[in-house]
Amino acid sequence: MQSRSVRHAAAAVAWSLAFVYIAAEIVTALAWSTPYSFQYDTISDLGVTACTVDLCSPRHLVMNATFVALGLLTIVGAVLFRETLTNGYRRKWILSLAVLVGLSTAATGLMPSNDNFVLHMLAVVPGFVSRHIVLILLAVWLWQQRRVIAVWSATCALSGVVGAVLFLGSAVRIGISERLVLYPLPAFMAVTGVAVLATMISRRFRPMRARVR
């Protein structure tokens, strides 16, 4: 039981760090001289390693390192949280898809769009699709055991799917629609991680508060 608590605490910390992703985008964007537009420019533009007339990201190392870190955090959290799902095909599906998303995210940082656009897209697409499937499966499979997490997962999945429709249909500016697609999973990770940590801390100090009374 103790080792399971340690694993869950480590997983919660890993996923809580997903909040840093947003900060990395802002820090990288502020260094642009063009300037960077969160409405018109893509997230991948933040990771370009060479300057052109329209694109120049002096802090591209920050963004690309963050992609790699977020990918690894996704995998670490999923592996350590795997006991949340009963053993069997459900756990295997979620873990496999989470690893795929993590590897895709990390590969995005290792293959900037300006170096090789084809390889960059091959890195991006698997995670672009799999993240929504993960959230939908979590919402369905956790509905009976952990309804709050299931509702939160469904909300993030819905946001991501709507974003994907808008992105593919070019209904809104690419910077906005792309973030509607990609932000929900890090948001799910970060909020879930913080919630788990807060719950664990509250349970840890509850007996102490009882003794004080």
N, C-alpha and C. Protein backbone atom coordinates (compact mmCIF):
# COMPACT_ATOMS: atom_id res chain seq x y z
N MET A 1 0.83 -1.21 0.00
CA MET A 1 0.00 0.00 0.00
C MET A 1 0.86 1.26 0.00
N GLN A 2 1.94 1.22 0.79
CA GLN A 2 2.84 2.37 0.87
C GLN A 2 3.51 2.63 -0.47
N SER A 3 3.98 1.55 -1.13
CA SER A 3 4.64 1.72 -2.42
C SER A 3 3.67 2.25 -3.47
N ARG A 4 2.41 1.85 -3.39
CA ARG A 4 1.41 2.35 -4.33
C ARG A 4 1.18 3.84 -4.11
N SER A 5 1.15 4.28 -2.87
CA SER A 5 0.99 5.70 -2.57
C SER A 5 2.15 6.51 -3.11
N VAL A 6 3.35 5.95 -2.98
CA VAL A 6 4.54 6.64 -3.49
C VAL A 6 4.47 6.77 -5.01
N ARG A 7 4.04 5.69 -5.67
CA ARG A 7 3.92 5.73 -7.12
C ARG A 7 2.88 6.77 -7.56
N HIS A 8 1.76 6.79 -6.86
CA HIS A 8 0.73 7.75 -7.22
C HIS A 8 1.17 9.19 -6.96
N ALA A 9 1.92 9.40 -5.88
CA ALA A 9 2.44 10.74 -5.59
C ALA A 9 3.42 11.18 -6.67
N ALA A 10 4.29 10.27 -7.08
CA ALA A 10 5.26 10.58 -8.14
C ALA A 10 4.54 10.87 -9.45
N ALA A 11 3.50 10.08 -9.75
CA ALA A 11 2.72 10.30 -10.98
C ALA A 11 2.02 11.66 -10.94
N ALA A 12 1.47 11.99 -9.78
CA ALA A 12 0.77 13.27 -9.63
C ALA A 12 1.73 14.44 -9.82
N VAL A 13 2.92 14.33 -9.27
CA VAL A 13 3.93 15.39 -9.45
C VAL A 13 4.30 15.52 -10.92
N ALA A 14 4.51 14.37 -11.58
CA ALA A 14 4.87 14.39 -13.01
C ALA A 14 3.80 15.09 -13.83
N TRP A 15 2.55 14.73 -13.61
CA TRP A 15 1.48 15.34 -14.40
C TRP A 15 1.22 16.79 -14.00
N SER A 16 1.43 17.13 -12.73
CA SER A 16 1.24 18.52 -12.30
C SER A 16 2.19 19.46 -13.04
N LEU A 17 3.37 18.96 -13.38
CA LEU A 17 4.36 19.78 -14.07
C LEU A 17 3.94 20.15 -15.48
N ALA A 18 2.84 19.56 -15.97
CA ALA A 18 2.34 19.92 -17.31
C ALA A 18 1.96 21.40 -17.37
N PHE A 19 1.70 22.02 -16.22
CA PHE A 19 1.41 23.45 -16.19
C PHE A 19 2.57 24.26 -16.76
N VAL A 20 3.79 23.74 -16.64
CA VAL A 20 4.98 24.44 -17.11
C VAL A 20 4.93 24.64 -18.63
N TYR A 21 4.21 23.77 -19.31
CA TYR A 21 4.13 23.85 -20.77
C TYR A 21 3.62 25.22 -21.23
N ILE A 22 2.58 25.71 -20.58
CA ILE A 22 2.00 27.01 -20.94
C ILE A 22 3.03 28.11 -20.72
N ALA A 23 3.73 28.03 -19.60
CA ALA A 23 4.75 29.03 -19.30
C ALA A 23 5.85 29.02 -20.35
N ALA A 24 6.22 27.83 -20.82
CA ALA A 24 7.27 27.72 -21.84
C ALA A 24 6.83 28.38 -23.14
N GLU A 25 5.57 28.19 -23.51
CA GLU A 25 5.07 28.85 -24.72
C GLU A 25 5.17 30.37 -24.59
N ILE A 26 4.76 30.89 -23.45
CA ILE A 26 4.76 32.34 -23.25
C ILE A 26 6.19 32.88 -23.27
N VAL A 27 7.08 32.22 -22.54
CA VAL A 27 8.48 32.65 -22.48
C VAL A 27 9.11 32.64 -23.87
N THR A 28 8.84 31.60 -24.64
CA THR A 28 9.39 31.50 -25.99
C THR A 28 8.80 32.55 -26.91
N ALA A 29 7.49 32.76 -26.83
CA ALA A 29 6.82 33.73 -27.69
C ALA A 29 7.28 35.15 -27.43
N LEU A 30 7.56 35.49 -26.18
CA LEU A 30 7.97 36.85 -25.83
C LEU A 30 9.32 37.23 -26.43
N ALA A 31 10.11 36.23 -26.79
CA ALA A 31 11.44 36.51 -27.36
C ALA A 31 11.38 36.85 -28.84
N TRP A 32 10.24 36.61 -29.48
CA TRP A 32 10.11 36.90 -30.91
C TRP A 32 10.18 38.41 -31.16
N SER A 33 10.77 38.80 -32.26
CA SER A 33 10.82 40.21 -32.62
C SER A 33 9.76 40.56 -33.65
N THR A 34 9.08 39.53 -34.22
CA THR A 34 8.17 39.77 -35.34
C THR A 34 6.87 40.51 -35.02
N PRO A 35 6.05 40.31 -34.03
CA PRO A 35 6.09 39.37 -32.91
C PRO A 35 5.28 38.10 -33.19
N TYR A 36 5.31 37.17 -32.25
CA TYR A 36 4.56 35.92 -32.36
C TYR A 36 3.08 36.18 -32.08
N SER A 37 2.21 35.53 -32.87
CA SER A 37 0.76 35.66 -32.69
C SER A 37 0.16 34.33 -32.24
N PHE A 38 -0.48 34.33 -31.10
CA PHE A 38 -1.14 33.12 -30.62
C PHE A 38 -2.39 32.80 -31.45
N GLN A 39 -2.82 33.73 -32.27
CA GLN A 39 -3.98 33.50 -33.13
C GLN A 39 -3.58 32.94 -34.50
N TYR A 40 -2.53 33.51 -35.09
CA TYR A 40 -2.20 33.18 -36.47
C TYR A 40 -1.02 32.20 -36.61
N ASP A 41 -0.13 32.14 -35.64
CA ASP A 41 1.04 31.28 -35.75
C ASP A 41 0.80 29.95 -35.05
N THR A 42 1.43 28.89 -35.57
CA THR A 42 1.25 27.57 -34.99
C THR A 42 2.17 27.38 -33.78
N ILE A 43 1.88 26.37 -32.99
CA ILE A 43 2.74 26.05 -31.86
C ILE A 43 4.11 25.59 -32.35
N SER A 44 4.13 24.86 -33.45
CA SER A 44 5.40 24.39 -34.02
C SER A 44 6.33 25.54 -34.39
N ASP A 45 5.73 26.70 -34.74
CA ASP A 45 6.56 27.86 -35.09
C ASP A 45 7.46 28.29 -33.93
N LEU A 46 7.04 28.00 -32.72
CA LEU A 46 7.85 28.37 -31.55
C LEU A 46 9.14 27.55 -31.48
N GLY A 47 9.16 26.41 -32.19
CA GLY A 47 10.33 25.54 -32.12
C GLY A 47 11.25 25.62 -33.32
N VAL A 48 10.97 26.53 -34.27
CA VAL A 48 11.82 26.62 -35.47
C VAL A 48 13.23 27.04 -35.07
N THR A 49 14.21 26.38 -35.68
CA THR A 49 15.60 26.58 -35.27
C THR A 49 16.37 27.57 -36.13
N ALA A 50 15.75 28.05 -37.21
CA ALA A 50 16.40 29.04 -38.08
C ALA A 50 15.42 30.19 -38.34
N CYS A 51 15.97 31.36 -38.60
CA CYS A 51 15.14 32.54 -38.79
C CYS A 51 14.86 32.81 -40.26
N THR A 52 13.61 33.22 -40.53
CA THR A 52 13.21 33.70 -41.85
C THR A 52 12.63 35.09 -41.66
N VAL A 53 12.09 35.64 -42.74
CA VAL A 53 11.49 36.97 -42.64
C VAL A 53 10.30 36.97 -41.68
N ASP A 54 9.52 35.88 -41.71
CA ASP A 54 8.29 35.81 -40.91
C ASP A 54 8.45 35.08 -39.58
N LEU A 55 9.38 34.12 -39.53
CA LEU A 55 9.52 33.29 -38.34
C LEU A 55 10.92 33.38 -37.77
N CYS A 56 10.98 33.65 -36.48
CA CYS A 56 12.28 33.64 -35.80
C CYS A 56 12.03 33.42 -34.31
N SER A 57 12.50 32.29 -33.81
CA SER A 57 12.25 31.91 -32.42
C SER A 57 13.58 31.76 -31.67
N PRO A 58 14.11 32.85 -31.13
CA PRO A 58 15.41 32.80 -30.45
C PRO A 58 15.47 31.80 -29.29
N ARG A 59 14.34 31.54 -28.66
CA ARG A 59 14.31 30.61 -27.54
C ARG A 59 13.72 29.26 -27.94
N HIS A 60 14.00 28.84 -29.18
CA HIS A 60 13.44 27.58 -29.65
C HIS A 60 13.89 26.39 -28.81
N LEU A 61 15.07 26.48 -28.20
CA LEU A 61 15.54 25.38 -27.35
C LEU A 61 14.61 25.19 -26.15
N VAL A 62 14.07 26.28 -25.63
CA VAL A 62 13.15 26.20 -24.49
C VAL A 62 11.90 25.43 -24.90
N MET A 63 11.34 25.78 -26.07
CA MET A 63 10.11 25.13 -26.52
C MET A 63 10.33 23.68 -26.87
N ASN A 64 11.41 23.40 -27.60
CA ASN A 64 11.66 22.02 -28.01
C ASN A 64 12.00 21.13 -26.82
N ALA A 65 12.73 21.67 -25.85
CA ALA A 65 13.03 20.90 -24.64
C ALA A 65 11.75 20.64 -23.85
N THR A 66 10.82 21.60 -23.88
CA THR A 66 9.55 21.43 -23.18
C THR A 66 8.70 20.36 -23.84
N PHE A 67 8.72 20.29 -25.17
CA PHE A 67 8.01 19.21 -25.87
C PHE A 67 8.52 17.85 -25.41
N VAL A 68 9.84 17.72 -25.36
CA VAL A 68 10.44 16.46 -24.94
C VAL A 68 10.07 16.14 -23.50
N ALA A 69 10.18 17.16 -22.62
CA ALA A 69 9.86 16.96 -21.21
C ALA A 69 8.40 16.58 -21.01
N LEU A 70 7.50 17.27 -21.74
CA LEU A 70 6.06 16.97 -21.60
C LEU A 70 5.77 15.55 -22.06
N GLY A 71 6.42 15.12 -23.12
CA GLY A 71 6.24 13.76 -23.58
C GLY A 71 6.66 12.73 -22.55
N LEU A 72 7.81 12.97 -21.94
CA LEU A 72 8.31 12.05 -20.91
C LEU A 72 7.41 12.06 -19.68
N LEU A 73 6.94 13.23 -19.28
CA LEU A 73 6.05 13.34 -18.12
C LEU A 73 4.73 12.61 -18.37
N THR A 74 4.25 12.68 -19.61
CA THR A 74 3.02 11.98 -19.98
C THR A 74 3.18 10.48 -19.77
N ILE A 75 4.31 9.96 -20.23
CA ILE A 75 4.56 8.52 -20.11
C ILE A 75 4.76 8.11 -18.66
N VAL A 76 5.58 8.87 -17.93
CA VAL A 76 5.87 8.53 -16.53
C VAL A 76 4.59 8.51 -15.71
N GLY A 77 3.76 9.55 -15.86
CA GLY A 77 2.51 9.60 -15.11
C GLY A 77 1.58 8.45 -15.45
N ALA A 78 1.48 8.13 -16.75
CA ALA A 78 0.59 7.04 -17.18
C ALA A 78 1.06 5.69 -16.62
N VAL A 79 2.35 5.46 -16.65
CA VAL A 79 2.90 4.19 -16.14
C VAL A 79 2.66 4.07 -14.64
N LEU A 80 2.88 5.14 -13.90
CA LEU A 80 2.73 5.09 -12.44
C LEU A 80 1.27 5.11 -12.00
N PHE A 81 0.39 5.63 -12.85
CA PHE A 81 -1.04 5.66 -12.53
C PHE A 81 -1.80 4.44 -13.06
N ARG A 82 -1.08 3.52 -13.71
CA ARG A 82 -1.76 2.43 -14.43
C ARG A 82 -2.65 1.57 -13.53
N GLU A 83 -2.35 1.51 -12.21
CA GLU A 83 -3.15 0.69 -11.31
C GLU A 83 -4.55 1.26 -11.08
N THR A 84 -4.76 2.50 -11.53
CA THR A 84 -6.09 3.10 -11.40
C THR A 84 -7.11 2.31 -12.20
N LEU A 85 -6.66 1.71 -13.30
CA LEU A 85 -7.52 0.87 -14.12
C LEU A 85 -7.27 -0.59 -13.78
N THR A 86 -8.32 -1.39 -13.80
CA THR A 86 -8.16 -2.82 -13.54
C THR A 86 -7.30 -3.44 -14.64
N ASN A 87 -6.54 -4.46 -14.26
CA ASN A 87 -5.64 -5.10 -15.21
C ASN A 87 -6.44 -5.74 -16.34
N GLY A 88 -5.85 -5.76 -17.51
CA GLY A 88 -6.52 -6.34 -18.66
C GLY A 88 -6.41 -5.44 -19.86
N TYR A 89 -7.34 -5.60 -20.81
CA TYR A 89 -7.24 -4.87 -22.06
C TYR A 89 -7.40 -3.37 -21.86
N ARG A 90 -8.18 -2.95 -20.87
CA ARG A 90 -8.37 -1.51 -20.64
C ARG A 90 -7.05 -0.84 -20.27
N ARG A 91 -6.35 -1.43 -19.33
CA ARG A 91 -5.07 -0.87 -18.91
C ARG A 91 -4.08 -0.85 -20.06
N LYS A 92 -4.05 -1.92 -20.83
CA LYS A 92 -3.10 -2.02 -21.95
C LYS A 92 -3.40 -0.96 -23.01
N TRP A 93 -4.67 -0.75 -23.31
CA TRP A 93 -5.03 0.25 -24.30
C TRP A 93 -4.64 1.66 -23.84
N ILE A 94 -5.02 2.00 -22.62
CA ILE A 94 -4.72 3.34 -22.10
C ILE A 94 -3.22 3.57 -22.04
N LEU A 95 -2.50 2.60 -21.50
CA LEU A 95 -1.06 2.75 -21.36
C LEU A 95 -0.38 2.85 -22.72
N SER A 96 -0.80 2.02 -23.66
CA SER A 96 -0.20 2.04 -25.00
C SER A 96 -0.44 3.38 -25.69
N LEU A 97 -1.68 3.88 -25.61
CA LEU A 97 -2.00 5.15 -26.26
C LEU A 97 -1.30 6.31 -25.57
N ALA A 98 -1.19 6.26 -24.24
CA ALA A 98 -0.50 7.32 -23.51
C ALA A 98 0.98 7.36 -23.88
N VAL A 99 1.58 6.19 -24.01
CA VAL A 99 2.99 6.12 -24.43
C VAL A 99 3.14 6.67 -25.85
N LEU A 100 2.19 6.33 -26.71
CA LEU A 100 2.22 6.85 -28.08
C LEU A 100 2.14 8.38 -28.09
N VAL A 101 1.23 8.93 -27.30
CA VAL A 101 1.10 10.39 -27.20
C VAL A 101 2.40 11.00 -26.68
N GLY A 102 2.97 10.38 -25.64
CA GLY A 102 4.20 10.89 -25.06
C GLY A 102 5.35 10.88 -26.04
N LEU A 103 5.50 9.79 -26.76
CA LEU A 103 6.58 9.68 -27.75
C LEU A 103 6.37 10.67 -28.89
N SER A 104 5.12 10.84 -29.30
CA SER A 104 4.80 11.80 -30.36
C SER A 104 5.14 13.22 -29.92
N THR A 105 4.79 13.56 -28.69
CA THR A 105 5.07 14.90 -28.17
C THR A 105 6.57 15.15 -28.08
N ALA A 106 7.30 14.17 -27.56
CA ALA A 106 8.76 14.30 -27.45
C ALA A 106 9.41 14.42 -28.82
N ALA A 107 8.93 13.61 -29.77
CA ALA A 107 9.49 13.64 -31.13
C ALA A 107 9.27 14.99 -31.81
N THR A 108 8.17 15.66 -31.44
CA THR A 108 7.89 16.98 -32.00
C THR A 108 9.02 17.95 -31.67
N GLY A 109 9.54 17.84 -30.44
CA GLY A 109 10.65 18.70 -30.04
C GLY A 109 11.98 18.32 -30.65
N LEU A 110 12.11 17.06 -31.01
CA LEU A 110 13.36 16.57 -31.60
C LEU A 110 13.41 16.79 -33.11
N MET A 111 12.24 17.03 -33.72
CA MET A 111 12.16 17.21 -35.18
C MET A 111 11.42 18.51 -35.50
N PRO A 112 12.07 19.66 -35.33
CA PRO A 112 11.43 20.94 -35.63
C PRO A 112 10.91 21.01 -37.06
N SER A 113 9.86 21.76 -37.28
CA SER A 113 9.20 21.79 -38.58
C SER A 113 10.09 22.33 -39.69
N ASN A 114 11.00 23.24 -39.36
CA ASN A 114 11.84 23.81 -40.42
C ASN A 114 12.99 22.89 -40.82
N ASP A 115 13.34 21.92 -39.98
CA ASP A 115 14.42 20.99 -40.31
C ASP A 115 13.96 19.95 -41.32
N ASN A 116 12.81 19.36 -41.06
CA ASN A 116 12.22 18.38 -41.99
C ASN A 116 10.73 18.34 -41.71
N PHE A 117 9.97 19.02 -42.55
CA PHE A 117 8.54 19.16 -42.30
C PHE A 117 7.80 17.83 -42.33
N VAL A 118 8.21 16.94 -43.23
CA VAL A 118 7.55 15.64 -43.33
C VAL A 118 7.75 14.83 -42.05
N LEU A 119 9.00 14.76 -41.57
CA LEU A 119 9.28 14.03 -40.33
C LEU A 119 8.57 14.69 -39.15
N HIS A 120 8.51 16.01 -39.17
CA HIS A 120 7.82 16.73 -38.09
C HIS A 120 6.35 16.34 -38.05
N MET A 121 5.70 16.28 -39.21
CA MET A 121 4.29 15.91 -39.26
C MET A 121 4.09 14.44 -38.87
N LEU A 122 5.02 13.58 -39.26
CA LEU A 122 4.94 12.18 -38.85
C LEU A 122 5.06 12.04 -37.34
N ALA A 123 5.79 12.96 -36.72
CA ALA A 123 5.92 12.97 -35.26
C ALA A 123 4.65 13.50 -34.60
N VAL A 124 4.05 14.51 -35.21
CA VAL A 124 2.90 15.20 -34.60
C VAL A 124 1.60 14.39 -34.70
N VAL A 125 1.32 13.84 -35.87
CA VAL A 125 0.00 13.25 -36.15
C VAL A 125 -0.42 12.14 -35.18
N PRO A 126 0.45 11.18 -34.82
CA PRO A 126 -0.01 10.13 -33.89
C PRO A 126 -0.54 10.68 -32.57
N GLY A 127 0.16 11.65 -32.01
CA GLY A 127 -0.30 12.25 -30.76
C GLY A 127 -1.52 13.13 -30.95
N PHE A 128 -1.62 13.76 -32.13
CA PHE A 128 -2.76 14.61 -32.47
C PHE A 128 -4.06 13.82 -32.39
N VAL A 129 -4.02 12.57 -32.83
CA VAL A 129 -5.21 11.71 -32.86
C VAL A 129 -5.40 10.96 -31.54
N SER A 130 -4.32 10.37 -31.04
CA SER A 130 -4.41 9.45 -29.89
C SER A 130 -4.84 10.14 -28.60
N ARG A 131 -4.49 11.42 -28.44
CA ARG A 131 -4.82 12.11 -27.18
C ARG A 131 -6.32 12.14 -26.93
N HIS A 132 -7.12 12.29 -27.98
CA HIS A 132 -8.57 12.34 -27.81
C HIS A 132 -9.14 10.96 -27.48
N ILE A 133 -8.56 9.94 -28.10
CA ILE A 133 -9.00 8.58 -27.82
C ILE A 133 -8.72 8.21 -26.37
N VAL A 134 -7.56 8.60 -25.86
CA VAL A 134 -7.21 8.34 -24.46
C VAL A 134 -8.23 8.97 -23.52
N LEU A 135 -8.54 10.23 -23.77
CA LEU A 135 -9.47 10.94 -22.89
C LEU A 135 -10.88 10.34 -22.95
N ILE A 136 -11.31 9.95 -24.13
CA ILE A 136 -12.64 9.33 -24.28
C ILE A 136 -12.70 7.99 -23.56
N LEU A 137 -11.66 7.17 -23.73
CA LEU A 137 -11.63 5.86 -23.06
C LEU A 137 -11.59 6.01 -21.55
N LEU A 138 -10.81 6.97 -21.07
CA LEU A 138 -10.77 7.21 -19.62
C LEU A 138 -12.13 7.61 -19.09
N ALA A 139 -12.82 8.47 -19.83
CA ALA A 139 -14.15 8.92 -19.40
C ALA A 139 -15.12 7.75 -19.31
N VAL A 140 -15.07 6.86 -20.29
CA VAL A 140 -15.98 5.71 -20.31
C VAL A 140 -15.62 4.69 -19.24
N TRP A 141 -14.35 4.35 -19.13
CA TRP A 141 -13.92 3.26 -18.25
C TRP A 141 -13.81 3.67 -16.78
N LEU A 142 -13.74 4.97 -16.49
CA LEU A 142 -13.67 5.41 -15.11
C LEU A 142 -15.02 5.89 -14.57
N TRP A 143 -16.05 5.82 -15.41
CA TRP A 143 -17.35 6.36 -15.01
C TRP A 143 -17.88 5.72 -13.74
N GLN A 144 -17.73 4.43 -13.58
CA GLN A 144 -18.27 3.75 -12.41
C GLN A 144 -17.42 3.93 -11.17
N GLN A 145 -16.08 3.97 -11.32
CA GLN A 145 -15.20 4.02 -10.15
C GLN A 145 -14.84 5.44 -9.70
N ARG A 146 -14.55 6.31 -10.67
CA ARG A 146 -14.07 7.66 -10.35
C ARG A 146 -14.80 8.66 -11.25
N ARG A 147 -16.01 8.98 -10.86
CA ARG A 147 -16.89 9.74 -11.73
C ARG A 147 -16.40 11.17 -11.97
N VAL A 148 -15.81 11.78 -10.96
CA VAL A 148 -15.34 13.16 -11.13
C VAL A 148 -14.25 13.22 -12.19
N ILE A 149 -13.30 12.28 -12.12
CA ILE A 149 -12.23 12.23 -13.12
C ILE A 149 -12.81 11.92 -14.50
N ALA A 150 -13.81 11.04 -14.54
CA ALA A 150 -14.45 10.68 -15.80
C ALA A 150 -15.10 11.90 -16.46
N VAL A 151 -15.79 12.71 -15.65
CA VAL A 151 -16.44 13.92 -16.18
C VAL A 151 -15.39 14.91 -16.67
N TRP A 152 -14.33 15.08 -15.90
CA TRP A 152 -13.25 15.98 -16.29
C TRP A 152 -12.60 15.50 -17.59
N SER A 153 -12.38 14.21 -17.71
CA SER A 153 -11.80 13.64 -18.92
C SER A 153 -12.71 13.84 -20.11
N ALA A 154 -14.02 13.63 -19.93
CA ALA A 154 -14.99 13.82 -21.01
C ALA A 154 -15.03 15.27 -21.46
N THR A 155 -14.95 16.19 -20.50
CA THR A 155 -14.94 17.62 -20.84
C THR A 155 -13.73 17.97 -21.69
N CYS A 156 -12.56 17.46 -21.30
CA CYS A 156 -11.34 17.71 -22.06
C CYS A 156 -11.42 17.07 -23.45
N ALA A 157 -11.97 15.86 -23.50
CA ALA A 157 -12.11 15.17 -24.79
C ALA A 157 -13.02 15.95 -25.73
N LEU A 158 -14.14 16.45 -25.21
CA LEU A 158 -15.08 17.22 -26.02
C LEU A 158 -14.41 18.48 -26.57
N SER A 159 -13.67 19.16 -25.72
CA SER A 159 -12.96 20.37 -26.15
C SER A 159 -11.97 20.04 -27.26
N GLY A 160 -11.24 18.93 -27.08
CA GLY A 160 -10.26 18.54 -28.09
C GLY A 160 -10.88 18.17 -29.41
N VAL A 161 -11.99 17.44 -29.37
CA VAL A 161 -12.67 17.02 -30.60
C VAL A 161 -13.24 18.23 -31.34
N VAL A 162 -13.84 19.16 -30.59
CA VAL A 162 -14.35 20.39 -31.20
C VAL A 162 -13.21 21.15 -31.86
N GLY A 163 -12.08 21.23 -31.14
CA GLY A 163 -10.91 21.89 -31.70
C GLY A 163 -10.43 21.24 -32.98
N ALA A 164 -10.46 19.89 -33.01
CA ALA A 164 -10.02 19.16 -34.21
C ALA A 164 -10.93 19.46 -35.39
N VAL A 165 -12.23 19.53 -35.14
CA VAL A 165 -13.19 19.84 -36.21
C VAL A 165 -12.93 21.25 -36.75
N LEU A 166 -12.72 22.19 -35.84
CA LEU A 166 -12.45 23.57 -36.25
C LEU A 166 -11.12 23.67 -36.99
N PHE A 167 -10.13 22.90 -36.52
CA PHE A 167 -8.80 22.91 -37.13
C PHE A 167 -8.87 22.36 -38.56
N LEU A 168 -9.52 21.22 -38.73
CA LEU A 168 -9.59 20.60 -40.05
C LEU A 168 -10.49 21.39 -41.01
N GLY A 169 -11.48 22.06 -40.44
CA GLY A 169 -12.38 22.84 -41.27
C GLY A 169 -11.94 24.27 -41.49
N SER A 170 -10.82 24.64 -40.85
CA SER A 170 -10.29 26.01 -40.96
C SER A 170 -11.35 27.05 -40.57
N ALA A 171 -12.17 26.68 -39.58
CA ALA A 171 -13.27 27.57 -39.19
C ALA A 171 -12.77 28.76 -38.37
N VAL A 172 -11.69 28.58 -37.63
CA VAL A 172 -11.12 29.67 -36.84
C VAL A 172 -9.63 29.73 -37.12
N ARG A 173 -8.99 30.75 -36.62
CA ARG A 173 -7.57 30.94 -36.88
C ARG A 173 -6.76 29.77 -36.33
N ILE A 174 -5.72 29.40 -37.06
CA ILE A 174 -5.00 28.16 -36.79
C ILE A 174 -4.38 28.11 -35.39
N GLY A 175 -3.89 29.24 -34.91
CA GLY A 175 -3.29 29.25 -33.58
C GLY A 175 -4.28 28.91 -32.49
N ILE A 176 -5.53 29.35 -32.66
CA ILE A 176 -6.58 29.08 -31.67
C ILE A 176 -7.06 27.64 -31.78
N SER A 177 -7.38 27.21 -33.00
CA SER A 177 -7.91 25.86 -33.17
C SER A 177 -6.89 24.79 -32.79
N GLU A 178 -5.62 25.03 -33.10
CA GLU A 178 -4.58 24.06 -32.75
C GLU A 178 -4.48 23.91 -31.24
N ARG A 179 -4.60 25.00 -30.53
CA ARG A 179 -4.52 24.94 -29.07
C ARG A 179 -5.76 24.28 -28.47
N LEU A 180 -6.90 24.46 -29.11
CA LEU A 180 -8.09 23.74 -28.65
C LEU A 180 -7.91 22.23 -28.80
N VAL A 181 -7.13 21.84 -29.80
CA VAL A 181 -6.85 20.43 -30.01
C VAL A 181 -5.83 19.90 -29.00
N LEU A 182 -4.76 20.65 -28.78
CA LEU A 182 -3.61 20.14 -28.04
C LEU A 182 -3.62 20.45 -26.54
N TYR A 183 -4.27 21.52 -26.12
CA TYR A 183 -4.24 21.91 -24.71
C TYR A 183 -5.02 20.98 -23.78
N PRO A 184 -6.15 20.39 -24.21
CA PRO A 184 -6.96 19.62 -23.26
C PRO A 184 -6.22 18.50 -22.54
N LEU A 185 -5.34 17.76 -23.22
CA LEU A 185 -4.64 16.66 -22.54
C LEU A 185 -3.68 17.17 -21.47
N PRO A 186 -2.80 18.16 -21.76
CA PRO A 186 -1.97 18.70 -20.68
C PRO A 186 -2.80 19.29 -19.54
N ALA A 187 -3.96 19.89 -19.89
CA ALA A 187 -4.84 20.43 -18.85
C ALA A 187 -5.38 19.31 -17.99
N PHE A 188 -5.80 18.21 -18.62
CA PHE A 188 -6.29 17.06 -17.87
C PHE A 188 -5.20 16.54 -16.94
N MET A 189 -3.99 16.39 -17.47
CA MET A 189 -2.87 15.89 -16.67
C MET A 189 -2.59 16.80 -15.48
N ALA A 190 -2.47 18.10 -15.76
CA ALA A 190 -2.08 19.04 -14.71
C ALA A 190 -3.12 19.12 -13.59
N VAL A 191 -4.39 19.28 -13.97
CA VAL A 191 -5.46 19.40 -12.97
C VAL A 191 -5.61 18.11 -12.18
N THR A 192 -5.55 16.98 -12.88
CA THR A 192 -5.66 15.68 -12.20
C THR A 192 -4.49 15.47 -11.25
N GLY A 193 -3.29 15.81 -11.70
CA GLY A 193 -2.12 15.67 -10.84
C GLY A 193 -2.22 16.50 -9.58
N VAL A 194 -2.62 17.76 -9.73
CA VAL A 194 -2.77 18.65 -8.57
C VAL A 194 -3.86 18.14 -7.64
N ALA A 195 -4.97 17.68 -8.21
CA ALA A 195 -6.08 17.17 -7.39
C ALA A 195 -5.66 15.94 -6.59
N VAL A 196 -4.92 15.03 -7.23
CA VAL A 196 -4.45 13.84 -6.53
C VAL A 196 -3.49 14.21 -5.41
N LEU A 197 -2.57 15.13 -5.68
CA LEU A 197 -1.63 15.57 -4.65
C LEU A 197 -2.36 16.22 -3.48
N ALA A 198 -3.33 17.08 -3.78
CA ALA A 198 -4.08 17.76 -2.72
C ALA A 198 -4.85 16.75 -1.87
N THR A 199 -5.43 15.74 -2.51
CA THR A 199 -6.16 14.70 -1.78
C THR A 199 -5.23 13.90 -0.88
N MET A 200 -4.07 13.54 -1.40
CA MET A 200 -3.11 12.75 -0.61
C MET A 200 -2.59 13.54 0.58
N ILE A 201 -2.33 14.82 0.38
CA ILE A 201 -1.84 15.66 1.48
C ILE A 201 -2.93 15.83 2.54
N SER A 202 -4.17 16.04 2.07
CA SER A 202 -5.28 16.19 3.01
C SER A 202 -5.46 14.94 3.87
N ARG A 203 -5.37 13.76 3.24
CA ARG A 203 -5.52 12.51 3.99
C ARG A 203 -4.36 12.30 4.95
N ARG A 204 -3.20 12.76 4.55
CA ARG A 204 -2.01 12.58 5.40
C ARG A 204 -2.12 13.38 6.69
N PHE A 205 -2.67 14.59 6.58
CA PHE A 205 -2.72 15.47 7.74
C PHE A 205 -4.04 15.38 8.51
N ARG A 206 -5.01 14.63 7.99
CA ARG A 206 -6.29 14.51 8.68
C ARG A 206 -6.15 13.89 10.07
N PRO A 207 -5.41 12.77 10.25
CA PRO A 207 -5.24 12.21 11.60
C PRO A 207 -4.53 13.17 12.54
N MET A 208 -3.59 13.97 11.99
CA MET A 208 -2.87 14.92 12.83
C MET A 208 -3.80 16.00 13.34
N ARG A 209 -4.70 16.48 12.46
CA ARG A 209 -5.64 17.50 12.90
C ARG A 209 -6.60 16.96 13.93
N ALA A 210 -6.97 15.67 13.77
CA ALA A 210 -7.88 15.04 14.73
C ALA A 210 -7.24 14.95 16.11
N ARG A 211 -5.93 14.63 16.16
CA ARG A 211 -5.24 14.53 17.45
C ARG A 211 -5.12 15.88 18.12
N VAL A 212 -4.93 16.93 17.32
CA VAL A 212 -4.80 18.28 17.88
C VAL A 212 -6.11 18.69 18.56
N ARG A 213 -7.21 18.30 17.98
CA ARG A 213 -8.51 18.62 18.57
C ARG A 213 -8.74 17.85 19.85
